[in-house]
N, C-alpha and C. Protein backbone atom coordinates (compact mmCIF):
# COMPACT_ATOMS: atom_id res chain seq x y z
N UNK A 1 0.93 -1.24 -0.15
CA UNK A 1 0.43 0.42 -0.54
C UNK A 1 0.89 1.54 0.31
N UNK A 2 0.61 1.93 -0.38
CA UNK A 2 1.24 3.19 -1.17
C UNK A 2 0.89 4.81 0.34
N UNK A 3 1.56 5.12 0.24
CA UNK A 3 0.76 6.57 0.81
C UNK A 3 1.55 8.07 0.36
N UNK A 4 0.67 8.86 0.43
CA UNK A 4 1.56 10.26 0.30
C UNK A 4 1.57 10.69 1.39
N UNK A 5 2.82 12.28 0.97
CA UNK A 5 2.56 13.23 2.37
C UNK A 5 2.39 13.71 2.04
N UNK A 6 1.22 14.36 2.65
CA UNK A 6 0.21 16.02 1.65
C UNK A 6 0.83 16.54 2.04
N UNK A 7 1.23 17.15 3.74
CA UNK A 7 1.58 18.25 4.75
C UNK A 7 3.11 18.13 5.36
N UNK A 8 3.89 18.80 5.29
CA UNK A 8 4.71 18.17 6.93
C UNK A 8 4.84 20.12 7.03
N UNK A 9 5.54 19.78 8.65
CA UNK A 9 5.45 20.94 9.18
C UNK A 9 5.98 20.67 10.99
N UNK A 10 7.23 21.29 11.37
CA UNK A 10 7.48 20.62 12.60
C UNK A 10 6.73 20.03 13.43
N UNK A 11 7.11 18.67 13.95
CA UNK A 11 6.36 18.00 14.72
C UNK A 11 4.88 17.54 14.41
N UNK A 12 4.73 17.96 12.83
CA UNK A 12 3.33 17.37 12.56
C UNK A 12 3.04 16.98 11.48
N UNK A 13 2.80 16.16 11.13
CA UNK A 13 3.11 15.46 9.45
C UNK A 13 1.11 14.67 9.09
N UNK A 14 0.61 15.02 8.23
CA UNK A 14 -0.31 14.36 6.94
C UNK A 14 -0.64 13.93 5.51
N UNK A 15 -0.89 12.76 6.08
CA UNK A 15 -0.62 11.09 5.17
C UNK A 15 -1.21 11.05 4.88
N UNK A 16 -1.74 10.56 3.21
CA UNK A 16 -2.57 10.32 2.80
C UNK A 16 -2.68 8.91 2.22
N UNK A 17 -3.61 7.78 2.63
CA UNK A 17 -3.53 6.54 1.77
C UNK A 17 -3.82 6.30 0.28
N UNK A 18 -3.26 5.46 -0.13
CA UNK A 18 -3.71 5.26 -2.26
C UNK A 18 -4.40 4.49 -1.94
N UNK A 19 -6.06 5.21 -1.31
CA UNK A 19 -6.94 3.91 -1.36
C UNK A 19 -8.10 5.33 -1.41
N UNK A 20 -10.04 4.08 -2.04
CA UNK A 20 -10.75 5.44 -2.54
C UNK A 20 -10.89 5.25 -1.62
N UNK A 21 -11.30 4.43 -0.33
CA UNK A 21 -11.85 4.46 0.75
C UNK A 21 -11.39 3.92 1.56
N UNK A 22 -12.41 4.26 3.03
CA UNK A 22 -11.04 2.91 4.10
C UNK A 22 -12.33 3.67 4.68
N UNK A 23 -12.64 1.49 5.31
CA UNK A 23 -14.19 2.34 6.36
C UNK A 23 -12.77 1.60 7.94
N UNK A 24 -14.29 2.26 8.10
CA UNK A 24 -14.23 2.35 10.31
C UNK A 24 -13.42 2.19 10.46
N UNK A 25 -13.17 0.27 9.99
CA UNK A 25 -12.18 -0.92 10.92
C UNK A 25 -10.67 0.00 10.41
N UNK A 26 -10.49 0.26 9.30
CA UNK A 26 -9.12 0.06 8.43
C UNK A 26 -8.89 1.81 9.12
N UNK A 27 -9.72 2.57 10.25
CA UNK A 27 -9.52 4.15 9.89
C UNK A 27 -8.69 3.38 11.41
N UNK A 28 -9.76 2.60 12.64
CA UNK A 28 -9.53 1.94 13.99
C UNK A 28 -7.89 1.54 14.07
N UNK A 29 -7.96 0.55 13.16
CA UNK A 29 -6.50 -0.18 13.15
C UNK A 29 -5.14 0.98 12.52
N UNK A 30 -5.24 1.80 11.66
CA UNK A 30 -4.75 2.59 11.59
C UNK A 30 -4.00 3.96 12.70
N UNK A 31 -5.12 4.17 13.12
CA UNK A 31 -4.93 5.60 14.64
C UNK A 31 -4.18 3.88 15.42
N UNK A 32 -4.63 2.60 15.88
CA UNK A 32 -4.12 1.90 17.08
C UNK A 32 -2.33 2.05 16.18
N UNK A 33 -2.38 1.38 15.48
CA UNK A 33 -0.99 2.04 14.71
C UNK A 33 0.17 3.31 15.19
N UNK A 34 -0.15 3.68 14.52
CA UNK A 34 0.03 5.32 14.78
C UNK A 34 0.35 5.55 16.66
N UNK A 35 -1.74 5.48 16.64
CA UNK A 35 -0.31 6.19 18.94
C UNK A 35 0.09 4.49 18.99
N UNK A 36 0.66 3.95 18.56
CA UNK A 36 1.83 3.49 19.55
C UNK A 36 3.16 3.62 19.09
N UNK A 37 3.07 4.26 18.03
CA UNK A 37 4.92 4.09 17.85
C UNK A 37 5.65 5.18 19.23
N UNK A 38 6.28 5.74 19.12
CA UNK A 38 7.09 6.18 20.29
C UNK A 38 6.99 7.28 19.91
N UNK A 39 6.85 8.19 20.56
CA UNK A 39 7.52 10.18 20.44
C UNK A 39 5.06 10.46 19.46
N UNK A 40 4.17 9.18 19.33
CA UNK A 40 4.07 10.22 18.43
C UNK A 40 2.92 10.01 20.15
N UNK A 41 2.08 10.93 20.25
CA UNK A 41 1.48 11.56 21.13
C UNK A 41 -0.46 12.64 20.80
N UNK A 42 -0.17 12.40 18.57
CA UNK A 42 -2.03 12.39 18.44
C UNK A 42 -2.07 12.52 17.63
N UNK A 43 -3.09 11.61 17.66
CA UNK A 43 -2.80 10.57 15.88
C UNK A 43 -4.21 11.14 15.34
N UNK A 44 -5.52 11.15 14.20
CA UNK A 44 -6.37 12.57 13.79
C UNK A 44 -6.77 10.75 12.24
N UNK A 45 -7.23 10.55 12.02
CA UNK A 45 -7.70 9.85 10.74
C UNK A 45 -9.27 10.20 10.40
N UNK A 46 -9.34 10.18 9.30
CA UNK A 46 -10.30 11.05 8.51
C UNK A 46 -9.81 9.79 7.29
N UNK A 47 -11.33 9.10 7.49
CA UNK A 47 -11.98 7.72 7.15
C UNK A 47 -12.87 7.96 6.08
N UNK A 48 -12.97 8.79 5.99
CA UNK A 48 -13.61 9.30 4.45
C UNK A 48 -12.44 10.01 3.45
N UNK A 49 -11.61 10.59 3.87
CA UNK A 49 -10.36 11.39 3.27
C UNK A 49 -9.44 10.26 3.14
N UNK A 50 -9.15 9.61 3.85
CA UNK A 50 -7.84 8.22 3.48
C UNK A 50 -6.48 8.75 4.46
N UNK A 51 -7.28 10.43 4.73
CA UNK A 51 -6.13 11.64 5.20
C UNK A 51 -5.36 10.57 7.18
N UNK A 52 -4.34 10.81 7.58
CA UNK A 52 -4.35 10.52 9.13
C UNK A 52 -3.21 11.25 9.38
N UNK A 53 -3.52 12.52 11.11
CA UNK A 53 -2.28 13.77 10.64
C UNK A 53 -1.95 13.02 11.82
N UNK A 54 -0.20 13.28 12.43
CA UNK A 54 0.29 12.50 13.22
C UNK A 54 1.25 13.60 13.51
N UNK A 55 0.98 14.09 15.38
CA UNK A 55 1.86 15.25 15.69
C UNK A 55 3.01 14.08 16.53
N UNK A 56 4.19 14.81 16.52
CA UNK A 56 5.34 13.55 17.47
C UNK A 56 5.92 14.44 17.68
N UNK A 57 7.45 13.76 18.35
CA UNK A 57 8.31 14.97 18.64
C UNK A 57 9.81 14.53 18.71
N UNK A 58 9.59 13.58 17.49
CA UNK A 58 10.85 12.53 17.09
C UNK A 58 11.12 13.09 15.69
N UNK A 59 12.09 12.43 14.69
CA UNK A 59 12.60 12.58 14.04
C UNK A 59 11.57 12.69 12.75
N UNK A 60 10.86 12.73 11.89
CA UNK A 60 10.20 12.85 11.37
C UNK A 60 10.31 11.91 10.09
N UNK A 61 11.27 11.44 9.32
CA UNK A 61 11.77 10.42 9.42
C UNK A 61 11.95 8.37 10.17
N UNK A 62 11.89 9.18 11.18
CA UNK A 62 11.19 7.66 12.09
C UNK A 62 10.17 7.70 11.46
N UNK A 63 9.50 8.55 11.37
CA UNK A 63 7.96 8.41 12.17
C UNK A 63 7.37 7.88 9.82
N UNK A 64 7.86 8.09 9.87
CA UNK A 64 7.46 7.59 8.03
C UNK A 64 8.18 6.48 7.99
N UNK A 65 9.43 5.62 8.05
CA UNK A 65 9.80 4.44 7.87
C UNK A 65 8.96 3.50 8.68
N UNK A 66 8.49 4.04 10.86
CA UNK A 66 7.45 3.20 10.88
C UNK A 66 5.58 2.81 10.37
N UNK A 67 5.77 3.40 9.50
CA UNK A 67 4.70 3.63 8.30
C UNK A 67 4.36 3.54 7.15
N UNK A 68 6.48 3.21 7.02
CA UNK A 68 6.53 2.36 6.28
C UNK A 68 6.19 1.05 6.69
N UNK A 69 7.06 0.83 7.53
CA UNK A 69 6.13 -0.62 8.54
C UNK A 69 5.29 -1.08 8.44
N UNK A 70 4.46 -0.57 7.97
CA UNK A 70 3.23 -1.33 8.00
C UNK A 70 2.90 -1.75 7.28
N UNK A 71 3.83 -0.88 5.65
CA UNK A 71 2.62 -1.88 4.30
C UNK A 71 3.42 -2.90 4.13
N UNK A 72 4.29 -3.09 5.24
CA UNK A 72 4.99 -3.74 4.37
C UNK A 72 5.35 -5.23 5.60
N UNK A 73 4.82 -4.97 6.04
CA UNK A 73 4.95 -6.68 7.02
C UNK A 73 4.43 -7.29 5.91
N UNK A 74 4.32 -8.72 6.43
CA UNK A 74 3.52 -9.77 6.03
C UNK A 74 1.54 -9.82 6.38
N UNK A 75 1.31 -10.09 5.97
CA UNK A 75 -0.52 -9.52 6.68
C UNK A 75 -0.90 -11.36 7.08
């Protein structure tokens, strides 16, 4: 699964998941996963637009690598 960075600033990033529609279950799973990343303190997932806003205190590259792991791990 691909994702795109729509907006980025220090401590906050907005990513778009490359899918047409996200179910509530998928949104909940994504939110749970993102909230359990070290240094992430707030997550908002928008299922209609397939976006996620992540607020963090660590390095942006660390957060991006963790999101990549979500989609490269075997299901």
